Amino acid sequence: MTERVYTFGSHRGLVGILSEPATGALRPGAPAIVFSNIGLNHRVGPNRLYVELARKLAPVGFRSLRFDLSGFGDSEPRRGGGSDLDRAILDTREAMDFLERRGVNRFVLVGLCSGADVAHRCTLKDRRIVGAIHIDGYAYPNPSFWLRHLTIRYLQPARWRRFARVRLARLIRQVPFRELDDLPEVFVVDVPPREQFTADLETLTERGVKLLFVYTTQMDCEYNYRNQFHDTFGYRDEIDVEFYPNADHVFSTEPQREMVLSRVVDWIDRQFLAGANTSETSASMPSRKATMSAVYFVGPAAMIGVTRMLKFFAESNVLSV
């Protein structure tokens, strides 16, 4: 594996590190994987997550670029207007332009938190993108989510300990700033309305874009059980979803990182076999109307079934600490 630093972009101000497999190990026709910084983190990712991922992908034949968005890390600010999201989309597309000049014409974007927002918008706009991995990105509650949210979450001892600790600190005027609820928001993700996201998923799956959604415990106020995405939108055979209820948002421990890294590398490895063509026509995609009808009309009745309830308690880690 080799790693080199490059500058690129229309203003020559973007800085990134390109990781490439050893000579002869590059997978024929493989897309390049593109990572950008997350919030105020630079291109290494939280706890060097992107560094480790790039170095695990190279031995299986994938090149990857991790770069800083303009104005962050080592990249220079862009002149001109536009929102943070607009600039991030432009930066990402220019990163792909840079790789295209090096002979790559297909890409997979990886985005965590605000980065997932950028990945989604770019994927909709740019047909060179054949895959996207969203980590703690968009989430949409459904009836099963609300059942868990309003009942089982209040049976977890850890939540009550945290509640008591925060309330006591406030009573003595020592507010624990480290509590997530008290941290100021630096980046706010502009989540599309459910109807728009539904249409977006249809557009992307008809294009044959491969999608992986990963959720952690950080999302438990919006996503709290493994099958929530599929129960809400369908696409059980077309879109992959992972749920890690015991992992935090930045995968701060080595076992957490190894878990998600192994899953992501395996997913990319399986989805983009050497010389495989990921494009599909809408005619080849199975209908999902029956699935969605079942979610909204049969779902409430199914929730009272014994089997469903047992699964419900098992997935929710009722007494986890």
Protein backbone atom coordinates (compact mmCIF):
# COMPACT_ATOMS: atom_id res chain seq x y z
CA MET A 1 0.00 0.00 0.00
CA THR A 2 1.13 3.54 -0.73
CA GLU A 3 -0.15 6.84 0.67
CA ARG A 4 0.55 10.26 -0.82
CA VAL A 5 -0.59 13.78 -0.05
CA TYR A 6 -2.19 15.79 -2.86
CA THR A 7 -3.63 19.26 -3.33
CA PHE A 8 -6.49 19.69 -5.79
CA GLY A 9 -9.71 21.57 -6.46
CA SER A 10 -10.54 24.60 -8.59
CA HIS A 11 -8.75 26.85 -6.09
CA ARG A 12 -5.95 24.31 -5.51
CA GLY A 13 -6.75 24.55 -1.84
CA LEU A 14 -8.13 21.11 -0.99
CA VAL A 15 -5.73 18.70 0.72
CA GLY A 16 -6.16 14.96 0.84
CA ILE A 17 -4.33 11.67 1.26
CA LEU A 18 -4.74 9.03 -1.42
CA SER A 19 -4.31 5.44 -0.25
CA GLU A 20 -3.66 2.91 -3.04
CA PRO A 21 -3.15 -0.85 -3.08
CA ALA A 22 0.25 -2.30 -3.78
CA THR A 23 1.29 -2.71 -7.40
CA GLY A 24 -0.88 -5.33 -9.08
CA ALA A 25 -3.36 -5.48 -6.19
CA LEU A 26 -5.84 -2.87 -7.48
CA ARG A 27 -9.22 -4.48 -8.13
CA PRO A 28 -10.21 -4.06 -11.82
CA GLY A 29 -13.16 -1.69 -12.24
CA ALA A 30 -13.39 -1.00 -8.51
CA PRO A 31 -14.79 2.35 -7.39
CA ALA A 32 -12.70 4.68 -5.27
CA ILE A 33 -13.86 5.35 -1.72
CA VAL A 34 -14.10 9.01 -0.68
CA PHE A 35 -14.12 10.31 2.91
CA SER A 36 -14.27 13.92 4.04
CA ASN A 37 -14.05 15.47 7.48
CA ILE A 38 -16.92 15.32 9.96
CA GLY A 39 -17.99 18.51 11.67
CA LEU A 40 -14.86 20.05 13.16
CA ASN A 41 -12.83 16.83 12.85
CA HIS A 42 -10.28 16.77 10.07
CA ARG A 43 -9.85 14.06 7.47
CA VAL A 44 -8.65 11.31 9.85
CA GLY A 45 -12.20 10.88 11.13
CA PRO A 46 -13.21 10.41 14.77
CA ASN A 47 -10.64 8.29 16.59
CA ARG A 48 -8.80 7.86 13.25
CA LEU A 49 -11.72 5.84 11.92
CA TYR A 50 -11.12 6.86 8.30
CA VAL A 51 -7.39 6.20 8.49
CA GLU A 52 -8.01 2.65 9.68
CA LEU A 53 -10.74 2.09 7.11
CA ALA A 54 -8.58 3.31 4.21
CA ARG A 55 -5.74 1.03 5.30
CA LYS A 56 -8.05 -1.98 5.55
CA LEU A 57 -9.54 -1.31 2.11
CA ALA A 58 -6.21 -1.10 0.28
CA PRO A 59 -5.22 -4.77 0.80
CA VAL A 60 -8.54 -5.93 -0.72
CA GLY A 61 -7.99 -3.81 -3.83
CA PHE A 62 -9.67 -0.43 -3.21
CA ARG A 63 -8.06 2.99 -3.43
CA SER A 64 -9.48 5.71 -1.20
CA LEU A 65 -9.17 9.44 -0.67
CA ARG A 66 -9.63 11.12 2.70
CA PHE A 67 -9.60 14.90 2.41
CA ASP A 68 -10.43 18.07 4.31
CA LEU A 69 -13.35 20.19 3.20
CA SER A 70 -12.45 23.78 2.38
CA GLY A 71 -11.77 25.84 5.49
CA PHE A 72 -11.10 22.80 7.69
CA GLY A 73 -7.94 20.91 8.58
CA ASP A 74 -5.25 21.62 6.00
CA SER A 75 -7.59 22.81 3.23
CA GLU A 76 -7.83 26.49 2.46
CA PRO A 77 -11.16 28.34 2.63
CA ARG A 78 -13.10 28.96 -0.54
CA ARG A 79 -13.86 32.47 -1.62
CA GLY A 80 -17.43 33.30 -2.47
CA GLY A 81 -20.79 32.65 -0.92
CA GLY A 82 -22.93 29.60 -0.51
CA SER A 83 -23.92 27.56 2.51
CA ASP A 84 -21.65 25.10 4.32
CA LEU A 85 -23.57 22.28 2.62
CA ASP A 86 -23.18 23.82 -0.85
CA ARG A 87 -19.43 24.20 -0.35
CA ALA A 88 -19.10 20.66 0.99
CA ILE A 89 -20.93 19.27 -2.06
CA LEU A 90 -18.69 21.26 -4.40
CA ASP A 91 -15.57 20.10 -2.55
CA THR A 92 -16.66 16.46 -2.76
CA ARG A 93 -17.39 16.66 -6.47
CA GLU A 94 -14.00 18.28 -7.08
CA ALA A 95 -12.38 15.46 -5.11
CA MET A 96 -14.04 13.02 -7.52
CA ASP A 97 -12.88 15.13 -10.47
CA PHE A 98 -9.32 14.81 -9.15
CA LEU A 99 -9.63 11.02 -8.93
CA GLU A 100 -11.27 10.84 -12.35
CA ARG A 101 -8.18 12.44 -13.86
CA ARG A 102 -6.28 9.52 -12.35
CA GLY A 103 -8.44 6.99 -14.16
CA VAL A 104 -11.32 6.37 -11.72
CA ASN A 105 -14.89 7.01 -12.84
CA ARG A 106 -16.96 5.35 -10.09
CA PHE A 107 -17.12 6.30 -6.44
CA VAL A 108 -18.47 5.27 -3.04
CA LEU A 109 -18.97 8.03 -0.48
CA VAL A 110 -18.71 7.45 3.26
CA GLY A 111 -20.32 9.99 5.58
CA LEU A 112 -20.84 10.13 9.33
CA CYS A 113 -23.35 12.54 10.91
CA SER A 114 -23.20 15.79 8.90
CA GLY A 115 -21.02 13.93 6.40
CA ALA A 116 -23.95 11.61 5.65
CA ASP A 117 -25.98 14.66 4.63
CA VAL A 118 -23.26 15.67 2.17
CA ALA A 119 -22.98 12.09 0.86
CA HIS A 120 -26.72 11.87 0.25
CA ARG A 121 -26.96 15.19 -1.62
CA CYS A 122 -23.91 14.37 -3.73
CA THR A 123 -25.21 10.91 -4.59
CA LEU A 124 -28.46 12.37 -5.87
CA LYS A 125 -26.63 14.89 -8.07
CA ASP A 126 -23.71 12.87 -9.43
CA ARG A 127 -24.21 9.64 -11.36
CA ARG A 128 -20.55 8.73 -10.95
CA ILE A 129 -21.44 7.70 -7.38
CA VAL A 130 -22.39 4.02 -7.29
CA GLY A 131 -22.53 3.53 -3.53
CA ALA A 132 -22.91 5.42 -0.26
CA ILE A 133 -22.44 4.53 3.40
CA HIS A 134 -24.38 6.64 5.88
CA ILE A 135 -23.30 6.41 9.54
CA ASP A 136 -25.76 8.02 11.98
CA GLY A 137 -27.36 9.95 9.16
CA TYR A 138 -31.06 10.48 8.54
CA ALA A 139 -33.55 8.60 10.72
CA TYR A 140 -37.35 8.64 10.68
CA PRO A 141 -39.43 7.38 13.64
CA ASN A 142 -42.31 4.98 12.98
CA PRO A 143 -45.00 3.44 15.29
CA SER A 144 -42.66 0.72 16.55
CA PHE A 145 -40.03 3.34 17.36
CA TRP A 146 -42.51 5.34 19.43
CA LEU A 147 -43.66 2.23 21.31
CA ARG A 148 -40.09 1.55 22.40
CA HIS A 149 -39.30 5.20 22.99
CA LEU A 150 -42.27 5.78 25.30
CA THR A 151 -41.99 2.53 27.26
CA ILE A 152 -38.85 0.41 27.29
CA ARG A 153 -36.29 3.24 27.33
CA TYR A 154 -37.62 4.25 30.75
CA LEU A 155 -36.86 0.79 32.13
CA GLN A 156 -33.12 1.27 31.59
CA PRO A 157 -31.29 1.95 34.90
CA ALA A 158 -28.53 3.92 33.16
CA ARG A 159 -31.03 6.52 31.98
CA TRP A 160 -32.36 7.09 35.49
CA ARG A 161 -28.83 7.41 36.91
CA ARG A 162 -27.98 9.98 34.27
CA PHE A 163 -31.23 11.87 34.91
CA ALA A 164 -30.53 12.01 38.65
CA ARG A 165 -26.91 13.10 38.11
CA VAL A 166 -27.86 15.94 35.77
CA ARG A 167 -30.74 17.16 37.94
CA LEU A 168 -28.58 17.13 41.08
CA ALA A 169 -25.82 19.06 39.31
CA ARG A 170 -28.31 21.67 38.18
CA LEU A 171 -29.74 22.05 41.67
CA ILE A 172 -26.31 22.92 43.02
CA ARG A 173 -25.59 25.04 39.94
CA GLN A 174 -22.82 22.84 38.62
CA VAL A 175 -24.19 21.98 35.23
CA PRO A 176 -22.19 19.07 33.75
CA PHE A 177 -21.18 20.55 30.40
CA ARG A 178 -20.00 17.14 29.23
CA GLU A 179 -23.60 15.94 29.11
CA LEU A 180 -24.65 15.78 25.48
CA ASP A 181 -27.91 17.62 26.10
CA ASP A 182 -25.96 20.67 27.29
CA LEU A 183 -23.49 20.86 24.43
CA PRO A 184 -24.04 23.64 21.90
CA GLU A 185 -24.91 22.54 18.38
CA VAL A 186 -22.21 23.44 15.87
CA PHE A 187 -23.66 21.68 12.85
CA VAL A 188 -27.36 21.12 12.26
CA VAL A 189 -28.23 18.51 9.64
CA ASP A 190 -30.99 19.60 7.29
CA VAL A 191 -33.01 16.38 7.32
CA PRO A 192 -35.26 16.04 4.26
CA PRO A 193 -39.00 15.53 4.88
CA ARG A 194 -39.98 11.86 4.98
CA GLU A 195 -41.80 12.13 1.64
CA GLN A 196 -38.73 13.62 -0.04
CA PHE A 197 -36.41 10.98 1.40
CA THR A 198 -38.79 8.26 0.24
CA ALA A 199 -38.61 9.68 -3.29
CA ASP A 200 -34.82 9.95 -3.02
CA LEU A 201 -34.52 6.27 -2.08
CA GLU A 202 -36.63 5.30 -5.06
CA THR A 203 -34.44 7.38 -7.36
CA LEU A 204 -31.21 5.89 -6.01
CA THR A 205 -32.33 2.26 -5.99
CA GLU A 206 -33.66 2.56 -9.54
CA ARG A 207 -30.22 3.86 -10.52
CA GLY A 208 -28.66 0.79 -8.91
CA VAL A 209 -26.81 2.72 -6.20
CA LYS A 210 -25.67 0.47 -3.35
CA LEU A 211 -26.60 1.82 0.09
CA LEU A 212 -25.57 0.92 3.63
CA PHE A 213 -27.07 2.70 6.65
CA VAL A 214 -25.37 2.31 10.04
CA TYR A 215 -26.97 3.49 13.30
CA THR A 216 -25.54 3.67 16.84
CA THR A 217 -26.94 4.37 20.29
CA GLN A 218 -26.37 8.09 19.64
CA MET A 219 -29.52 7.99 17.50
CA ASP A 220 -31.80 6.43 20.10
CA CYS A 221 -34.07 9.47 20.14
CA GLU A 222 -34.71 8.86 16.43
CA TYR A 223 -33.66 5.26 15.75
CA ASN A 224 -33.95 2.54 18.38
CA TYR A 225 -34.30 -0.92 16.84
CA ARG A 226 -32.62 -2.93 14.11
CA ASN A 227 -35.42 -3.14 11.54
CA GLN A 228 -36.70 0.43 11.87
CA PHE A 229 -35.41 1.53 8.47
CA HIS A 230 -36.86 -1.44 6.60
CA ASP A 231 -40.15 -1.27 8.50
CA THR A 232 -40.44 2.38 7.51
CA PHE A 233 -39.27 2.35 3.89
CA GLY A 234 -39.05 -1.26 2.74
CA TYR A 235 -36.14 -2.17 0.42
CA ARG A 236 -35.14 -5.16 2.52
CA ASP A 237 -33.40 -6.78 -0.45
CA GLU A 238 -31.91 -3.60 -1.92
CA ILE A 239 -30.62 -1.56 1.04
CA ASP A 240 -28.45 -2.86 3.88
CA VAL A 241 -28.81 -1.60 7.46
CA GLU A 242 -26.71 -2.19 10.58
CA PHE A 243 -27.69 -1.23 14.13
CA TYR A 244 -25.12 -1.09 16.95
CA PRO A 245 -27.02 -0.27 20.18
CA ASN A 246 -23.86 -0.56 22.28
CA ALA A 247 -21.63 1.65 20.12
CA ASP A 248 -21.32 5.39 20.58
CA HIS A 249 -21.40 8.01 17.82
CA VAL A 250 -17.62 8.18 17.33
CA PHE A 251 -16.79 4.49 17.99
CA SER A 252 -14.54 5.50 20.87
CA THR A 253 -13.36 2.01 21.86
CA GLU A 254 -11.27 -0.39 19.79
CA PRO A 255 -13.92 -3.18 19.80
CA GLN A 256 -16.51 -0.69 18.51
CA ARG A 257 -14.22 0.48 15.73
CA GLU A 258 -13.22 -3.04 14.75
CA MET A 259 -16.89 -4.03 14.59
CA VAL A 260 -17.91 -1.25 12.20
CA LEU A 261 -14.68 -1.38 10.17
CA SER A 262 -15.07 -5.11 9.54
CA ARG A 263 -18.68 -4.65 8.48
CA VAL A 264 -17.95 -1.74 6.12
CA VAL A 265 -14.96 -3.44 4.48
CA ASP A 266 -16.94 -6.67 4.03
CA TRP A 267 -19.89 -4.74 2.56
CA ILE A 268 -17.73 -2.87 0.04
CA ASP A 269 -15.85 -6.06 -0.82
CA ARG A 270 -19.09 -7.94 -1.55
CA GLN A 271 -20.91 -5.15 -3.36
CA PHE A 272 -18.14 -4.25 -5.78
CA LEU A 273 -16.62 -7.45 -7.07
CA ALA A 274 -13.91 -7.19 -9.72
CA GLY A 275 -15.43 -6.04 -13.01
CA ALA A 276 -18.99 -6.09 -11.63
CA ASN A 277 -21.54 -3.63 -13.04
CA THR A 278 -23.81 -2.21 -10.36
CA SER A 279 -26.28 -0.54 -12.69
CA GLU A 280 -29.82 -1.88 -12.69
CA THR A 281 -32.97 -0.84 -14.41
CA SER A 282 -36.19 -0.04 -12.63
CA ALA A 283 -37.76 -3.09 -14.25
CA SER A 284 -35.35 -5.33 -12.35
CA MET A 285 -36.24 -3.84 -8.98
CA PRO A 286 -38.94 -5.71 -7.05
CA SER A 287 -42.11 -3.89 -6.14
CA ARG A 288 -42.28 -2.63 -2.57
CA LYS A 289 -45.89 -1.41 -2.40
CA ALA A 290 -47.09 -4.55 -0.65
CA THR A 291 -44.28 -4.23 1.90
CA MET A 292 -45.16 -0.66 2.75
CA SER A 293 -48.87 -1.46 2.99
CA ALA A 294 -48.05 -4.16 5.51
CA VAL A 295 -46.00 -1.71 7.58
CA TYR A 296 -48.77 0.83 7.99
CA PHE A 297 -51.85 -1.40 8.13
CA VAL A 298 -50.72 -4.74 9.51
CA GLY A 299 -47.89 -3.41 11.68
CA PRO A 300 -49.95 -2.18 14.68
CA ALA A 301 -51.74 -5.53 14.91
CA ALA A 302 -48.52 -7.47 14.60
CA MET A 303 -47.00 -5.63 17.54
CA ILE A 304 -49.28 -7.42 19.98
CA GLY A 305 -48.20 -10.87 18.83
CA VAL A 306 -46.16 -12.91 21.29
CA THR A 307 -43.28 -13.52 18.88
CA ARG A 308 -43.05 -9.85 17.94
CA MET A 309 -43.05 -8.78 21.57
CA LEU A 310 -40.28 -11.22 22.51
CA LYS A 311 -38.18 -9.93 19.64
CA PHE A 312 -39.07 -6.40 20.65
CA PHE A 313 -37.66 -6.83 24.17
CA ALA A 314 -34.56 -8.68 22.93
CA GLU A 315 -33.62 -5.99 20.41
CA SER A 316 -34.19 -3.12 22.82
CA ASN A 317 -31.65 -4.18 25.49
CA VAL A 318 -34.28 -3.45 28.15
CA LEU A 319 -32.03 -3.62 31.17
CA SER A 320 -28.75 -2.63 29.55
CA VAL A 321 -26.45 -0.44 31.59
